[in-house]
């Protein structure tokens, strides 16, 4: 019999699968990932998955997941104050005051690209 922890692990793995498919130079939101996975109310759980993504064997580009306003809300989970910002800037995304400039231009919606 499956327990709640197994379900959470399965959900986290689905999140990581989506995040690994975000193209270079693009970002998505916790909410868009949750919606794509059929759990539109689970944006916070996507955030929890991102917090643990740094411990995955296969790389998860967690810097590409931001909040619905384009803010780098998960930056404190990276190993250094500016790591998330530096990673995004290395992909050509400009940041000002912890917020993505031209957010809509960089936004990638998994619903539009993943089936």
Protein backbone atom coordinates (compact mmCIF):
# COMPACT_ATOMS: atom_id res chain seq x y z
CA UNK A 1 0.00 0.00 0.00
CA UNK A 2 1.35 3.41 -1.00
CA UNK A 3 1.70 6.07 1.62
CA UNK A 4 1.67 9.87 1.49
CA UNK A 5 5.47 10.08 1.40
CA UNK A 6 5.58 7.85 -1.72
CA UNK A 7 2.99 10.10 -3.38
CA UNK A 8 5.07 13.16 -2.54
CA UNK A 9 8.21 11.56 -3.99
CA UNK A 10 6.30 10.69 -7.18
CA UNK A 11 5.04 14.27 -7.46
CA UNK A 12 8.54 15.68 -6.91
CA UNK A 13 9.91 13.43 -9.67
CA UNK A 14 7.21 14.68 -12.04
CA UNK A 15 8.17 18.26 -11.14
CA UNK A 16 11.84 17.54 -11.84
CA UNK A 17 10.94 16.00 -15.19
CA UNK A 18 9.13 19.19 -16.22
CA UNK A 19 11.89 21.47 -14.92
CA UNK A 20 14.55 19.53 -16.83
CA UNK A 21 12.62 20.35 -20.03
CA UNK A 22 12.57 24.13 -19.56
CA UNK A 23 14.65 25.52 -22.42
CA UNK A 24 17.85 27.44 -21.83
CA UNK A 25 17.03 31.14 -21.45
CA UNK A 26 13.45 30.47 -20.38
CA UNK A 27 11.69 30.30 -17.02
CA UNK A 28 8.41 29.02 -15.71
CA UNK A 29 6.47 29.38 -12.48
CA UNK A 30 5.59 27.10 -9.61
CA UNK A 31 1.93 27.52 -10.50
CA UNK A 32 2.32 26.67 -14.19
CA UNK A 33 4.16 23.48 -13.27
CA UNK A 34 1.46 22.54 -10.75
CA UNK A 35 -1.27 23.22 -13.32
CA UNK A 36 0.51 21.15 -15.96
CA UNK A 37 0.74 18.24 -13.52
CA UNK A 38 -3.00 18.38 -12.90
CA UNK A 39 -2.74 19.90 -9.42
CA UNK A 40 -3.28 23.64 -9.89
CA UNK A 41 -3.44 24.22 -6.13
CA UNK A 42 -0.03 22.60 -5.54
CA UNK A 43 2.27 25.51 -6.40
CA UNK A 44 3.67 25.45 -2.86
CA UNK A 45 4.44 21.74 -3.20
CA UNK A 46 6.33 22.51 -6.43
CA UNK A 47 8.33 24.99 -4.34
CA UNK A 48 9.12 22.27 -1.82
CA UNK A 49 10.32 20.07 -4.67
CA UNK A 50 12.57 22.88 -5.90
CA UNK A 51 14.03 23.26 -2.40
CA UNK A 52 15.11 19.61 -2.54
CA UNK A 53 16.16 19.64 -6.20
CA UNK A 54 19.76 20.48 -5.37
CA UNK A 55 20.18 16.99 -3.90
CA UNK A 56 19.08 15.08 -6.99
CA UNK A 57 21.51 12.80 -8.77
CA UNK A 58 20.49 14.19 -12.16
CA UNK A 59 20.79 17.97 -12.49
CA UNK A 60 17.60 20.00 -12.11
CA UNK A 61 17.89 23.60 -13.41
CA UNK A 62 15.96 25.01 -10.45
CA UNK A 63 17.02 28.58 -11.29
CA UNK A 64 14.48 28.47 -14.11
CA UNK A 65 11.51 28.28 -11.71
CA UNK A 66 10.29 31.58 -10.28
CA UNK A 67 7.12 32.94 -8.74
CA UNK A 68 4.14 34.17 -10.78
CA UNK A 69 5.52 37.71 -10.82
CA UNK A 70 8.95 36.72 -12.09
CA UNK A 71 10.63 37.14 -8.72
CA UNK A 72 13.53 34.92 -7.69
CA UNK A 73 11.63 33.74 -4.63
CA UNK A 74 13.72 30.56 -4.26
CA UNK A 75 17.11 32.27 -4.36
CA UNK A 76 17.86 31.57 -0.70
CA UNK A 77 17.87 27.82 -1.42
CA UNK A 78 20.94 28.12 -3.64
CA UNK A 79 24.48 27.85 -2.32
CA UNK A 80 25.18 31.58 -2.25
CA UNK A 81 23.26 34.84 -2.23
CA UNK A 82 23.49 35.56 -5.97
CA UNK A 83 23.81 32.06 -7.47
CA UNK A 84 20.27 31.90 -8.87
CA UNK A 85 20.59 35.37 -10.39
CA UNK A 86 24.04 34.59 -11.82
CA UNK A 87 22.79 31.37 -13.41
CA UNK A 88 19.85 33.13 -15.05
CA UNK A 89 22.02 36.00 -16.24
CA UNK A 90 24.43 33.50 -17.79
CA UNK A 91 21.43 32.35 -19.87
CA UNK A 92 20.77 35.89 -21.10
CA UNK A 93 18.01 36.76 -18.64
CA UNK A 94 18.33 40.18 -17.07
CA UNK A 95 17.45 40.66 -13.41
CA UNK A 96 16.74 43.82 -11.45
CA UNK A 97 15.87 43.84 -7.74
CA UNK A 98 15.45 40.03 -7.76
CA UNK A 99 12.89 40.25 -10.56
CA UNK A 100 13.18 39.15 -14.19
CA UNK A 101 13.13 42.02 -16.67
CA UNK A 102 10.71 41.33 -19.55
CA UNK A 103 9.31 38.36 -17.65
CA UNK A 104 6.66 37.55 -20.28
CA UNK A 105 9.35 37.34 -22.98
CA UNK A 106 11.17 34.61 -21.04
CA UNK A 107 8.11 32.76 -19.71
CA UNK A 108 7.72 29.14 -20.83
CA UNK A 109 4.39 27.44 -20.22
CA UNK A 110 4.70 23.63 -20.03
CA UNK A 111 1.06 23.29 -21.16
CA UNK A 112 2.00 24.74 -24.53
CA UNK A 113 5.02 22.52 -25.12
CA UNK A 114 4.58 19.27 -23.20
CA UNK A 115 1.88 16.69 -23.77
